[in-house]
């Protein structure tokens, strides 16, 4: 029997403590991952704002409004962009 198994057999709180430690480690990694993603999104927003003068959120709203006003034109543009991206990425 391994030492970890003996330790948890001796104390009923052993499994609960181990589970709590694993949960705490997982929560810490999720928090670190969320911070990393927020940092990258902030950098992307700054880059888009530098190039276009508008933040990424405004671009998203403009695209949504366009798709609501002209759904067929929007679908055609998206199909064309997808086709071109596929052609460019296959080479």
PDB file of N, CA and C in Angstrom:
ATOM      1  N   UNK A   1       0.850  -1.174   0.000  1.00  0.00           N
ATOM      2  CA  UNK A   1       0.000   0.000   0.000  1.00  0.00           C
ATOM      3  C   UNK A   1       0.897   1.239   0.000  1.00  0.00           C
ATOM      4  N   UNK A   2       0.510   2.231  -0.774  1.00  0.00           N
ATOM      5  CA  UNK A   2       1.345   3.425  -0.853  1.00  0.00           C
ATOM      6  C   UNK A   2       1.125   4.308   0.364  1.00  0.00           C
ATOM      7  N   UNK A   3       2.058   5.213   0.539  1.00  0.00           N
ATOM      8  CA  UNK A   3       1.990   6.105   1.695  1.00  0.00           C
ATOM      9  C   UNK A   3       0.753   7.009   1.621  1.00  0.00           C
ATOM     10  N   UNK A   4       0.389   7.465   0.427  1.00  0.00           N
ATOM     11  CA  UNK A   4      -0.789   8.337   0.284  1.00  0.00           C
ATOM     12  C   UNK A   4      -2.056   7.588   0.680  1.00  0.00           C
ATOM     13  N   UNK A   5      -2.171   6.325   0.279  1.00  0.00           N
ATOM     14  CA  UNK A   5      -3.349   5.542   0.640  1.00  0.00           C
ATOM     15  C   UNK A   5      -3.433   5.333   2.149  1.00  0.00           C
ATOM     16  N   UNK A   6      -2.292   5.046   2.789  1.00  0.00           N
ATOM     17  CA  UNK A   6      -2.294   4.851   4.238  1.00  0.00           C
ATOM     18  C   UNK A   6      -2.704   6.130   4.960  1.00  0.00           C
ATOM     19  N   UNK A   7      -2.230   7.250   4.461  1.00  0.00           N
ATOM     20  CA  UNK A   7      -2.545   8.527   5.087  1.00  0.00           C
ATOM     21  C   UNK A   7      -4.045   8.815   5.029  1.00  0.00           C
ATOM     22  N   UNK A   8      -4.678   8.568   3.876  1.00  0.00           N
ATOM     23  CA  UNK A   8      -6.104   8.845   3.747  1.00  0.00           C
ATOM     24  C   UNK A   8      -6.949   7.825   4.494  1.00  0.00           C
ATOM     25  N   UNK A   9      -6.439   6.583   4.642  1.00  0.00           N
ATOM     26  CA  UNK A   9      -7.185   5.591   5.397  1.00  0.00           C
ATOM     27  C   UNK A   9      -7.221   5.930   6.881  1.00  0.00           C
ATOM     28  N   UNK A  10      -6.153   6.524   7.391  1.00  0.00           N
ATOM     29  CA  UNK A  10      -6.090   6.850   8.800  1.00  0.00           C
ATOM     30  C   UNK A  10      -7.030   7.970   9.186  1.00  0.00           C
ATOM     31  N   UNK A  11      -7.207   8.929   8.325  1.00  0.00           N
ATOM     32  CA  UNK A  11      -8.036  10.074   8.705  1.00  0.00           C
ATOM     33  C   UNK A  11      -9.179  10.230   7.715  1.00  0.00           C
ATOM     34  N   UNK A  12     -10.400  10.346   8.210  1.00  0.00           N
ATOM     35  CA  UNK A  12     -11.540  10.523   7.307  1.00  0.00           C
ATOM     36  C   UNK A  12     -11.472  11.836   6.548  1.00  0.00           C
ATOM     37  N   UNK A  13     -10.748  12.797   7.085  1.00  0.00           N
ATOM     38  CA  UNK A  13     -10.628  14.091   6.405  1.00  0.00           C
ATOM     39  C   UNK A  13      -9.580  14.046   5.295  1.00  0.00           C
ATOM     40  N   UNK A  14      -8.854  12.954   5.178  1.00  0.00           N
ATOM     41  CA  UNK A  14      -7.775  12.850   4.191  1.00  0.00           C
ATOM     42  C   UNK A  14      -8.240  13.089   2.769  1.00  0.00           C
ATOM     43  N   UNK A  15      -9.304  12.418   2.378  1.00  0.00           N
ATOM     44  CA  UNK A  15      -9.822  12.602   1.019  1.00  0.00           C
ATOM     45  C   UNK A  15     -10.351  14.012   0.833  1.00  0.00           C
ATOM     46  N   UNK A  16     -11.027  14.525   1.841  1.00  0.00           N
ATOM     47  CA  UNK A  16     -11.580  15.881   1.735  1.00  0.00           C
ATOM     48  C   UNK A  16     -10.460  16.891   1.590  1.00  0.00           C
ATOM     49  N   UNK A  17      -9.383  16.716   2.352  1.00  0.00           N
ATOM     50  CA  UNK A  17      -8.247  17.643   2.248  1.00  0.00           C
ATOM     51  C   UNK A  17      -7.582  17.567   0.887  1.00  0.00           C
ATOM     52  N   UNK A  18      -7.406  16.353   0.390  1.00  0.00           N
ATOM     53  CA  UNK A  18      -6.791  16.174  -0.928  1.00  0.00           C
ATOM     54  C   UNK A  18      -7.673  16.787  -2.006  1.00  0.00           C
ATOM     55  N   UNK A  19      -8.959  16.544  -1.920  1.00  0.00           N
ATOM     56  CA  UNK A  19      -9.890  17.102  -2.892  1.00  0.00           C
ATOM     57  C   UNK A  19      -9.877  18.622  -2.845  1.00  0.00           C
ATOM     58  N   UNK A  20      -9.822  19.169  -1.639  1.00  0.00           N
ATOM     59  CA  UNK A  20      -9.784  20.633  -1.491  1.00  0.00           C
ATOM     60  C   UNK A  20      -8.514  21.205  -2.104  1.00  0.00           C
ATOM     61  N   UNK A  21      -7.379  20.541  -1.906  1.00  0.00           N
ATOM     62  CA  UNK A  21      -6.122  21.009  -2.493  1.00  0.00           C
ATOM     63  C   UNK A  21      -6.178  20.983  -4.013  1.00  0.00           C
ATOM     64  N   UNK A  22      -6.717  19.918  -4.569  1.00  0.00           N
ATOM     65  CA  UNK A  22      -6.838  19.817  -6.031  1.00  0.00           C
ATOM     66  C   UNK A  22      -7.763  20.910  -6.557  1.00  0.00           C
ATOM     67  N   UNK A  23      -8.876  21.125  -5.859  1.00  0.00           N
ATOM     68  CA  UNK A  23      -9.818  22.172  -6.276  1.00  0.00           C
ATOM     69  C   UNK A  23      -9.172  23.550  -6.198  1.00  0.00           C
ATOM     70  N   UNK A  24      -8.406  23.800  -5.156  1.00  0.00           N
ATOM     71  CA  UNK A  24      -7.727  25.098  -5.033  1.00  0.00           C
ATOM     72  C   UNK A  24      -6.707  25.294  -6.144  1.00  0.00           C
ATOM     73  N   UNK A  25      -5.945  24.245  -6.458  1.00  0.00           N
ATOM     74  CA  UNK A  25      -4.968  24.334  -7.549  1.00  0.00           C
ATOM     75  C   UNK A  25      -5.660  24.604  -8.882  1.00  0.00           C
ATOM     76  N   UNK A  26      -6.772  23.914  -9.116  1.00  0.00           N
ATOM     77  CA  UNK A  26      -7.512  24.110 -10.369  1.00  0.00           C
ATOM     78  C   UNK A  26      -8.067  25.527 -10.444  1.00  0.00           C
ATOM     79  N   UNK A  27      -8.596  26.031  -9.345  1.00  0.00           N
ATOM     80  CA  UNK A  27      -9.138  27.391  -9.329  1.00  0.00           C
ATOM     81  C   UNK A  27      -8.039  28.413  -9.597  1.00  0.00           C
ATOM     82  N   UNK A  28      -6.861  28.174  -9.042  1.00  0.00           N
ATOM     83  CA  UNK A  28      -5.745  29.098  -9.270  1.00  0.00           C
ATOM     84  C   UNK A  28      -5.330  29.090 -10.740  1.00  0.00           C
ATOM     85  N   UNK A  29      -5.277  27.916 -11.354  1.00  0.00           N
ATOM     86  CA  UNK A  29      -4.906  27.834 -12.774  1.00  0.00           C
ATOM     87  C   UNK A  29      -5.955  28.498 -13.659  1.00  0.00           C
ATOM     88  N   UNK A  30      -7.227  28.346 -13.333  1.00  0.00           N
ATOM     89  CA  UNK A  30      -8.282  29.006 -14.102  1.00  0.00           C
ATOM     90  C   UNK A  30      -8.153  30.518 -13.981  1.00  0.00           C
ATOM     91  N   UNK A  31      -7.875  31.000 -12.788  1.00  0.00           N
ATOM     92  CA  UNK A  31      -7.700  32.441 -12.576  1.00  0.00           C
ATOM     93  C   UNK A  31      -6.510  32.958 -13.367  1.00  0.00           C
ATOM     94  N   UNK A  32      -5.406  32.214 -13.349  1.00  0.00           N
ATOM     95  CA  UNK A  32      -4.228  32.621 -14.121  1.00  0.00           C
ATOM     96  C   UNK A  32      -4.535  32.622 -15.616  1.00  0.00           C
ATOM     97  N   UNK A  33      -5.269  31.609 -16.082  1.00  0.00           N
ATOM     98  CA  UNK A  33      -5.636  31.543 -17.498  1.00  0.00           C
ATOM     99  C   UNK A  33      -6.544  32.688 -17.897  1.00  0.00           C
ATOM    100  N   UNK A  34      -7.494  33.029 -17.037  1.00  0.00           N
ATOM    101  CA  UNK A  34      -8.399  34.142 -17.327  1.00  0.00           C
ATOM    102  C   UNK A  34      -7.630  35.450 -17.396  1.00  0.00           C
ATOM    103  N   UNK A  35      -6.670  35.630 -16.508  1.00  0.00           N
ATOM    104  CA  UNK A  35      -5.854  36.846 -16.535  1.00  0.00           C
ATOM    105  C   UNK A  35      -5.049  36.932 -17.827  1.00  0.00           C
ATOM    106  N   UNK A  36      -4.503  35.799 -18.261  1.00  0.00           N
ATOM    107  CA  UNK A  36      -3.732  35.760 -19.500  1.00  0.00           C
ATOM    108  C   UNK A  36      -4.605  36.133 -20.696  1.00  0.00           C
ATOM    109  N   UNK A  37      -5.805  35.550 -20.764  1.00  0.00           N
ATOM    110  CA  UNK A  37      -6.714  35.830 -21.872  1.00  0.00           C
ATOM    111  C   UNK A  37      -7.142  37.292 -21.858  1.00  0.00           C
ATOM    112  N   UNK A  38      -7.438  37.841 -20.679  1.00  0.00           N
ATOM    113  CA  UNK A  38      -7.828  39.244 -20.592  1.00  0.00           C
ATOM    114  C   UNK A  38      -6.696  40.148 -21.054  1.00  0.00           C
ATOM    115  N   UNK A  39      -5.471  39.791 -20.713  1.00  0.00           N
ATOM    116  CA  UNK A  39      -4.324  40.576 -21.166  1.00  0.00           C
ATOM    117  C   UNK A  39      -4.186  40.557 -22.681  1.00  0.00           C
ATOM    118  N   UNK A  40      -4.353  39.376 -23.267  1.00  0.00           N
ATOM    119  CA  UNK A  40      -4.262  39.264 -24.729  1.00  0.00           C
ATOM    120  C   UNK A  40      -5.392  40.026 -25.424  1.00  0.00           C
ATOM    121  N   UNK A  41      -6.609  39.930 -24.879  1.00  0.00           N
ATOM    122  CA  UNK A  41      -7.734  40.660 -25.474  1.00  0.00           C
ATOM    123  C   UNK A  41      -7.529  42.167 -25.358  1.00  0.00           C
ATOM    124  N   UNK A  42      -6.976  42.604 -24.240  1.00  0.00           N
ATOM    125  CA  UNK A  42      -6.686  44.025 -24.080  1.00  0.00           C
ATOM    126  C   UNK A  42      -5.650  44.492 -25.087  1.00  0.00           C
ATOM    127  N   UNK A  43      -4.622  43.686 -25.311  1.00  0.00           N
ATOM    128  CA  UNK A  43      -3.601  44.029 -26.299  1.00  0.00           C
ATOM    129  C   UNK A  43      -4.192  44.060 -27.702  1.00  0.00           C
ATOM    130  N   UNK A  44      -5.065  43.097 -28.010  1.00  0.00           N
ATOM    131  CA  UNK A  44      -5.704  43.069 -29.324  1.00  0.00           C
ATOM    132  C   UNK A  44      -6.602  44.293 -29.504  1.00  0.00           C
ATOM    133  N   UNK A  45      -7.341  44.664 -28.462  1.00  0.00           N
ATOM    134  CA  UNK A  45      -8.195  45.846 -28.519  1.00  0.00           C
ATOM    135  C   UNK A  45      -7.366  47.097 -28.763  1.00  0.00           C
ATOM    136  N   UNK A  46      -6.224  47.202 -28.086  1.00  0.00           N
ATOM    137  CA  UNK A  46      -5.342  48.362 -28.285  1.00  0.00           C
ATOM    138  C   UNK A  46      -4.798  48.408 -29.704  1.00  0.00           C
ATOM    139  N   UNK A  47      -4.433  47.252 -30.251  1.00  0.00           N
ATOM    140  CA  UNK A  47      -3.908  47.200 -31.612  1.00  0.00           C
ATOM    141  C   UNK A  47      -4.966  47.618 -32.618  1.00  0.00           C
ATOM    142  N   UNK A  48      -6.179  47.092 -32.461  1.00  0.00           N
ATOM    143  CA  UNK A  48      -7.267  47.462 -33.371  1.00  0.00           C
ATOM    144  C   UNK A  48      -7.552  48.961 -33.264  1.00  0.00           C
ATOM    145  N   UNK A  49      -7.554  49.498 -32.056  1.00  0.00           N
ATOM    146  CA  UNK A  49      -7.804  50.920 -31.852  1.00  0.00           C
ATOM    147  C   UNK A  49      -6.698  51.770 -32.501  1.00  0.00           C
ATOM    148  N   UNK A  50      -5.442  51.316 -32.394  1.00  0.00           N
ATOM    149  CA  UNK A  50      -4.332  52.054 -33.013  1.00  0.00           C
ATOM    150  C   UNK A  50      -4.460  52.096 -34.531  1.00  0.00           C
ATOM    151  N   UNK A  51      -4.856  50.977 -35.139  1.00  0.00           N
ATOM    152  CA  UNK A  51      -4.955  50.914 -36.597  1.00  0.00           C
ATOM    153  C   UNK A  51      -6.204  51.580 -37.152  1.00  0.00           C
ATOM    154  N   UNK A  52      -7.311  51.501 -36.428  1.00  0.00           N
ATOM    155  CA  UNK A  52      -8.573  51.961 -36.996  1.00  0.00           C
ATOM    156  C   UNK A  52      -9.185  53.166 -36.297  1.00  0.00           C
ATOM    157  N   UNK A  53      -8.754  53.447 -35.081  1.00  0.00           N
ATOM    158  CA  UNK A  53      -9.332  54.557 -34.340  1.00  0.00           C
ATOM    159  C   UNK A  53     -10.570  54.173 -33.550  1.00  0.00           C
ATOM    160  N   UNK A  54     -11.017  52.920 -33.686  1.00  0.00           N
ATOM    161  CA  UNK A  54     -12.192  52.444 -32.952  1.00  0.00           C
ATOM    162  C   UNK A  54     -11.817  51.191 -32.170  1.00  0.00           C
ATOM    163  N   UNK A  55     -12.370  51.028 -30.965  1.00  0.00           N
ATOM    164  CA  UNK A  55     -12.081  49.799 -30.223  1.00  0.00           C
ATOM    165  C   UNK A  55     -12.793  48.600 -30.845  1.00  0.00           C
ATOM    166  N   UNK A  56     -12.358  47.436 -30.450  1.00  0.00           N
ATOM    167  CA  UNK A  56     -12.894  46.192 -31.005  1.00  0.00           C
ATOM    168  C   UNK A  56     -14.392  46.055 -30.745  1.00  0.00           C
ATOM    169  N   UNK A  57     -14.863  46.511 -29.599  1.00  0.00           N
ATOM    170  CA  UNK A  57     -16.288  46.420 -29.274  1.00  0.00           C
ATOM    171  C   UNK A  57     -17.160  47.188 -30.249  1.00  0.00           C
ATOM    172  N   UNK A  58     -16.695  48.362 -30.682  1.00  0.00           N
ATOM    173  CA  UNK A  58     -17.460  49.140 -31.668  1.00  0.00           C
ATOM    174  C   UNK A  58     -17.510  48.425 -33.007  1.00  0.00           C
ATOM    175  N   UNK A  59     -16.396  47.792 -33.408  1.00  0.00           N
ATOM    176  CA  UNK A  59     -16.387  47.036 -34.655  1.00  0.00           C
ATOM    177  C   UNK A  59     -17.388  45.890 -34.586  1.00  0.00           C
ATOM    178  N   UNK A  60     -17.442  45.229 -33.454  1.00  0.00           N
ATOM    179  CA  UNK A  60     -18.383  44.121 -33.280  1.00  0.00           C
ATOM    180  C   UNK A  60     -19.818  44.610 -33.417  1.00  0.00           C
ATOM    181  N   UNK A  61     -20.134  45.720 -32.781  1.00  0.00           N
ATOM    182  CA  UNK A  61     -21.490  46.275 -32.876  1.00  0.00           C
ATOM    183  C   UNK A  61     -21.818  46.707 -34.301  1.00  0.00           C
ATOM    184  N   UNK A  62     -20.845  47.303 -35.001  1.00  0.00           N
ATOM    185  CA  UNK A  62     -21.073  47.702 -36.397  1.00  0.00           C
ATOM    186  C   UNK A  62     -21.375  46.488 -37.280  1.00  0.00           C
ATOM    187  N   UNK A  63     -20.646  45.404 -37.073  1.00  0.00           N
ATOM    188  CA  UNK A  63     -20.857  44.197 -37.867  1.00  0.00           C
ATOM    189  C   UNK A  63     -22.229  43.595 -37.553  1.00  0.00           C
ATOM    190  N   UNK A  64     -22.609  43.574 -36.280  1.00  0.00           N
ATOM    191  CA  UNK A  64     -23.929  43.058 -35.915  1.00  0.00           C
ATOM    192  C   UNK A  64     -25.037  43.891 -36.552  1.00  0.00           C
ATOM    193  N   UNK A  65     -24.892  45.210 -36.518  1.00  0.00           N
ATOM    194  CA  UNK A  65     -25.908  46.083 -37.115  1.00  0.00           C
ATOM    195  C   UNK A  65     -26.002  45.840 -38.623  1.00  0.00           C
ATOM    196  N   UNK A  66     -24.864  45.694 -39.285  1.00  0.00           N
ATOM    197  CA  UNK A  66     -24.843  45.431 -40.722  1.00  0.00           C
ATOM    198  C   UNK A  66     -25.543  44.110 -41.035  1.00  0.00           C
ATOM    199  N   UNK A  67     -25.259  43.087 -40.223  1.00  0.00           N
ATOM    200  CA  UNK A  67     -25.874  41.782 -40.467  1.00  0.00           C
ATOM    201  C   UNK A  67     -27.384  41.828 -40.243  1.00  0.00           C
ATOM    202  N   UNK A  68     -27.849  42.645 -39.313  1.00  0.00           N
ATOM    203  CA  UNK A  68     -29.298  42.779 -39.093  1.00  0.00           C
ATOM    204  C   UNK A  68     -29.962  43.528 -40.246  1.00  0.00           C
ATOM    205  N   UNK A  69     -29.284  44.558 -40.753  1.00  0.00           N
ATOM    206  CA  UNK A  69     -29.865  45.381 -41.822  1.00  0.00           C
ATOM    207  C   UNK A  69     -29.833  44.667 -43.168  1.00  0.00           C
ATOM    208  N   UNK A  70     -28.743  43.974 -43.453  1.00  0.00           N
ATOM    209  CA  UNK A  70     -28.561  43.332 -44.757  1.00  0.00           C
ATOM    210  C   UNK A  70     -28.053  41.898 -44.575  1.00  0.00           C
ATOM    211  N   UNK A  71     -28.915  40.979 -44.173  1.00  0.00           N
ATOM    212  CA  UNK A  71     -28.449  39.618 -43.880  1.00  0.00           C
ATOM    213  C   UNK A  71     -27.928  38.867 -45.106  1.00  0.00           C
ATOM    214  N   UNK A  72     -28.536  39.042 -46.255  1.00  0.00           N
ATOM    215  CA  UNK A  72     -28.064  38.324 -47.451  1.00  0.00           C
ATOM    216  C   UNK A  72     -26.721  38.852 -47.919  1.00  0.00           C
ATOM    217  N   UNK A  73     -26.554  40.159 -47.904  1.00  0.00           N
ATOM    218  CA  UNK A  73     -25.265  40.741 -48.287  1.00  0.00           C
ATOM    219  C   UNK A  73     -24.183  40.297 -47.306  1.00  0.00           C
ATOM    220  N   UNK A  74     -24.516  40.313 -46.022  1.00  0.00           N
ATOM    221  CA  UNK A  74     -23.561  39.877 -45.008  1.00  0.00           C
ATOM    222  C   UNK A  74     -23.168  38.426 -45.187  1.00  0.00           C
ATOM    223  N   UNK A  75     -24.145  37.576 -45.477  1.00  0.00           N
ATOM    224  CA  UNK A  75     -23.852  36.160 -45.701  1.00  0.00           C
ATOM    225  C   UNK A  75     -22.969  35.972 -46.925  1.00  0.00           C
ATOM    226  N   UNK A  76     -23.240  36.735 -47.985  1.00  0.00           N
ATOM    227  CA  UNK A  76     -22.416  36.638 -49.197  1.00  0.00           C
ATOM    228  C   UNK A  76     -20.979  37.079 -48.918  1.00  0.00           C
ATOM    229  N   UNK A  77     -20.823  38.147 -48.159  1.00  0.00           N
ATOM    230  CA  UNK A  77     -19.475  38.625 -47.809  1.00  0.00           C
ATOM    231  C   UNK A  77     -18.742  37.569 -46.980  1.00  0.00           C
ATOM    232  N   UNK A  78     -19.441  36.967 -46.018  1.00  0.00           N
ATOM    233  CA  UNK A  78     -18.816  35.946 -45.177  1.00  0.00           C
ATOM    234  C   UNK A  78     -18.423  34.709 -45.989  1.00  0.00           C
ATOM    235  N   UNK A  79     -19.276  34.294 -46.903  1.00  0.00           N
ATOM    236  CA  UNK A  79     -18.942  33.151 -47.759  1.00  0.00           C
ATOM    237  C   UNK A  79     -17.728  33.462 -48.624  1.00  0.00           C
ATOM    238  N   UNK A  80     -17.695  34.663 -49.182  1.00  0.00           N
ATOM    239  CA  UNK A  80     -16.549  35.061 -49.999  1.00  0.00           C
ATOM    240  C   UNK A  80     -15.265  35.118 -49.193  1.00  0.00           C
ATOM    241  N   UNK A  81     -15.342  35.665 -47.998  1.00  0.00           N
ATOM    242  CA  UNK A  81     -14.152  35.740 -47.142  1.00  0.00           C
ATOM    243  C   UNK A  81     -13.692  34.344 -46.743  1.00  0.00           C
ATOM    244  N   UNK A  82     -14.626  33.461 -46.443  1.00  0.00           N
ATOM    245  CA  UNK A  82     -14.271  32.087 -46.104  1.00  0.00           C
ATOM    246  C   UNK A  82     -13.629  31.351 -47.269  1.00  0.00           C
ATOM    247  N   UNK A  83     -14.161  31.572 -48.452  1.00  0.00           N
ATOM    248  CA  UNK A  83     -13.597  30.949 -49.655  1.00  0.00           C
ATOM    249  C   UNK A  83     -12.163  31.425 -49.885  1.00  0.00           C
ATOM    250  N   UNK A  84     -11.952  32.734 -49.770  1.00  0.00           N
ATOM    251  CA  UNK A  84     -10.610  33.286 -49.987  1.00  0.00           C
ATOM    252  C   UNK A  84      -9.639  32.795 -48.908  1.00  0.00           C
ATOM    253  N   UNK A  85     -10.091  32.739 -47.667  1.00  0.00           N
ATOM    254  CA  UNK A  85      -9.222  32.259 -46.590  1.00  0.00           C
ATOM    255  C   UNK A  85      -8.838  30.793 -46.835  1.00  0.00           C
ATOM    256  N   UNK A  86      -9.793  30.007 -47.297  1.00  0.00           N
ATOM    257  CA  UNK A  86      -9.505  28.599 -47.572  1.00  0.00           C
ATOM    258  C   UNK A  86      -8.477  28.477 -48.696  1.00  0.00           C
ATOM    259  N   UNK A  87      -8.635  29.265 -49.750  1.00  0.00           N
ATOM    260  CA  UNK A  87      -7.688  29.214 -50.865  1.00  0.00           C
ATOM    261  C   UNK A  87      -6.289  29.627 -50.414  1.00  0.00           C
ATOM    262  N   UNK A  88      -6.220  30.669 -49.584  1.00  0.00           N
ATOM    263  CA  UNK A  88      -4.921  31.152 -49.140  1.00  0.00           C
ATOM    264  C   UNK A  88      -4.241  30.180 -48.183  1.00  0.00           C
ATOM    265  N   UNK A  89      -5.015  29.521 -47.335  1.00  0.00           N
ATOM    266  CA  UNK A  89      -4.425  28.633 -46.337  1.00  0.00           C
ATOM    267  C   UNK A  89      -4.088  27.251 -46.869  1.00  0.00           C
ATOM    268  N   UNK A  90      -4.619  26.876 -48.004  1.00  0.00           N
ATOM    269  CA  UNK A  90      -4.326  25.549 -48.576  1.00  0.00           C
ATOM    270  C   UNK A  90      -2.953  25.479 -49.194  1.00  0.00           C
ATOM    271  N   UNK A  91      -2.389  26.579 -49.550  1.00  0.00           N
ATOM    272  CA  UNK A  91      -1.092  26.569 -50.276  1.00  0.00           C
ATOM    273  C   UNK A  91       0.051  26.430 -49.353  1.00  0.00           C
TER     274      UNK A  91
END
